[in-house]
Every structure is written in structure tokens, then in C-alpha cells.
Amino acid sequence: MSDLDRIRWNCRRGLLELDLILAQFLERHLEALDPDQLEIFKELLDYPDNDLLDLVMCRAELTGRRCKALLDLMRDA
């Protein structure tokens, strides 16, 4: 299984809203992400479903700026 296939598999979550956001993000942006962005995305996928959804929906913010650009891409998807 390739790295991108693992990422796609890890995007299958337990919340429908999050699944829809991640599916749209994958369709629009996955192939264009650079290696650093892929690492950040994999780190975001380690968050529990509700926490990740809160981040994407702007109900919570991360203190570090490292993930901001990628979260902005996810929010625009």
C-alpha cells in the first residue's frame, strides 16, 4: 500500500461531516501536497475525530502556525 493510499484510508472517520470534508480535500488537494504538507496532514489525522472537526470548522485553534496553511486549505475544500 502506498503512502497516499494509507492517507486515504486514514481519512475514513467516524463522523459523516468530517468524512465529507476530508473526501473533498483529498479530491482537490492530495496529489498537489508537498512532502512537508503531507507530514502535517498525517499529524492532523492523528487527532480524534471531534477535535479534528473542531479545528477544520474553526471552533478550535492550534497554537502553532505550522498547520495553519493546511487547515486553511481544508476549510476551503
C-alpha atoms as a PDB file:
ATOM      1  CA  MET A   1       0.000   0.000   0.000  1.00  0.00           C
ATOM      2  CA  SER A   2       1.431   3.374  -0.989  1.00  0.00           C
ATOM      3  CA  ASP A   3       1.716   6.335   1.373  1.00  0.00           C
ATOM      4  CA  LEU A   4      -1.135   8.139  -0.403  1.00  0.00           C
ATOM      5  CA  ASP A   5      -3.321   5.027  -0.122  1.00  0.00           C
ATOM      6  CA  ARG A   6      -2.643   4.920   3.637  1.00  0.00           C
ATOM      7  CA  ILE A   7      -3.597   8.572   3.918  1.00  0.00           C
ATOM      8  CA  ARG A   8      -6.836   7.944   2.014  1.00  0.00           C
ATOM      9  CA  TRP A   9      -7.611   5.008   4.312  1.00  0.00           C
ATOM     10  CA  ASN A  10      -6.902   7.106   7.429  1.00  0.00           C
ATOM     11  CA  CYS A  11      -9.354   9.735   6.161  1.00  0.00           C
ATOM     12  CA  ARG A  12     -12.219   7.318   6.704  1.00  0.00           C
ATOM     13  CA  ARG A  13     -13.522   8.549  10.026  1.00  0.00           C
ATOM     14  CA  GLY A  14     -16.489   8.085  12.318  1.00  0.00           C
ATOM     15  CA  LEU A  15     -18.156  11.455  11.725  1.00  0.00           C
ATOM     16  CA  LEU A  16     -20.051  11.997   8.488  1.00  0.00           C
ATOM     17  CA  GLU A  17     -19.303  15.726   8.461  1.00  0.00           C
ATOM     18  CA  LEU A  18     -15.579  15.078   8.794  1.00  0.00           C
ATOM     19  CA  ASP A  19     -15.688  12.315   6.168  1.00  0.00           C
ATOM     20  CA  LEU A  20     -17.270  14.710   3.684  1.00  0.00           C
ATOM     21  CA  ILE A  21     -14.719  17.458   4.360  1.00  0.00           C
ATOM     22  CA  LEU A  22     -11.779  15.061   4.101  1.00  0.00           C
ATOM     23  CA  ALA A  23     -13.116  13.436   0.923  1.00  0.00           C
ATOM     24  CA  GLN A  24     -13.435  16.793  -0.771  1.00  0.00           C
ATOM     25  CA  PHE A  25      -9.982  17.847   0.435  1.00  0.00           C
ATOM     26  CA  LEU A  26      -8.429  14.631  -0.873  1.00  0.00           C
ATOM     27  CA  GLU A  27     -10.089  15.058  -4.250  1.00  0.00           C
ATOM     28  CA  ARG A  28      -8.943  18.655  -4.658  1.00  0.00           C
ATOM     29  CA  HIS A  29      -5.547  18.778  -2.962  1.00  0.00           C
ATOM     30  CA  LEU A  30      -3.928  15.446  -2.041  1.00  0.00           C
ATOM     31  CA  GLU A  31      -1.915  14.965  -5.227  1.00  0.00           C
ATOM     32  CA  ALA A  32      -0.542  18.525  -5.067  1.00  0.00           C
ATOM     33  CA  LEU A  33       0.691  18.456  -1.455  1.00  0.00           C
ATOM     34  CA  ASP A  34       4.444  18.673  -0.984  1.00  0.00           C
ATOM     35  CA  PRO A  35       6.208  16.264   1.437  1.00  0.00           C
ATOM     36  CA  ASP A  36       6.083  18.744   4.342  1.00  0.00           C
ATOM     37  CA  GLN A  37       2.366  19.306   3.845  1.00  0.00           C
ATOM     38  CA  LEU A  38       1.796  15.544   3.712  1.00  0.00           C
ATOM     39  CA  GLU A  39       3.547  15.151   7.068  1.00  0.00           C
ATOM     40  CA  ILE A  40       1.447  17.914   8.593  1.00  0.00           C
ATOM     41  CA  PHE A  41      -1.709  16.327   7.170  1.00  0.00           C
ATOM     42  CA  LYS A  42      -0.758  12.958   8.670  1.00  0.00           C
ATOM     43  CA  GLU A  43      -0.231  14.668  12.039  1.00  0.00           C
ATOM     44  CA  LEU A  44      -3.669  16.240  11.793  1.00  0.00           C
ATOM     45  CA  LEU A  45      -5.164  12.825  11.042  1.00  0.00           C
ATOM     46  CA  ASP A  46      -3.806  11.627  14.404  1.00  0.00           C
ATOM     47  CA  TYR A  47      -6.265  13.939  16.182  1.00  0.00           C
ATOM     48  CA  PRO A  48      -9.501  12.398  17.459  1.00  0.00           C
ATOM     49  CA  ASP A  49     -12.444  12.919  15.121  1.00  0.00           C
ATOM     50  CA  ASN A  50     -14.206  15.573  17.193  1.00  0.00           C
ATOM     51  CA  ASP A  51     -11.007  17.560  17.760  1.00  0.00           C
ATOM     52  CA  LEU A  52     -10.114  17.480  14.069  1.00  0.00           C
ATOM     53  CA  LEU A  53     -13.611  18.555  13.081  1.00  0.00           C
ATOM     54  CA  ASP A  54     -13.419  21.435  15.583  1.00  0.00           C
ATOM     55  CA  LEU A  55     -10.114  22.537  14.038  1.00  0.00           C
ATOM     56  CA  VAL A  56     -11.461  22.419  10.497  1.00  0.00           C
ATOM     57  CA  MET A  57     -14.701  24.183  11.469  1.00  0.00           C
ATOM     58  CA  CYS A  58     -12.773  26.975  13.304  1.00  0.00           C
ATOM     59  CA  ARG A  59     -14.292  26.021  16.652  1.00  0.00           C
ATOM     60  CA  ALA A  60     -10.760  25.421  17.973  1.00  0.00           C
ATOM     61  CA  GLU A  61      -7.320  26.691  17.034  1.00  0.00           C
ATOM     62  CA  LEU A  62      -3.851  25.219  17.269  1.00  0.00           C
ATOM     63  CA  THR A  63      -1.209  27.320  18.954  1.00  0.00           C
ATOM     64  CA  GLY A  64       1.449  26.563  16.332  1.00  0.00           C
ATOM     65  CA  ARG A  65       1.432  28.246  12.936  1.00  0.00           C
ATOM     66  CA  ARG A  66       2.799  25.114  11.247  1.00  0.00           C
ATOM     67  CA  CYS A  67      -0.630  23.666  10.486  1.00  0.00           C
ATOM     68  CA  LYS A  68      -2.435  26.909   9.677  1.00  0.00           C
ATOM     69  CA  ALA A  69      -1.907  26.846   5.904  1.00  0.00           C
ATOM     70  CA  LEU A  70      -3.043  23.253   5.611  1.00  0.00           C
ATOM     71  CA  LEU A  71      -6.081  23.847   7.820  1.00  0.00           C
ATOM     72  CA  ASP A  72      -6.954  26.816   5.612  1.00  0.00           C
ATOM     73  CA  LEU A  73      -6.834  24.505   2.565  1.00  0.00           C
ATOM     74  CA  MET A  74      -9.094  22.032   4.356  1.00  0.00           C
ATOM     75  CA  ARG A  75     -11.518  24.797   5.290  1.00  0.00           C
ATOM     76  CA  ASP A  76     -11.697  25.993   1.685  1.00  0.00           C
ATOM     77  CA  ALA A  77     -12.353  22.481   0.359  1.00  0.00           C
END
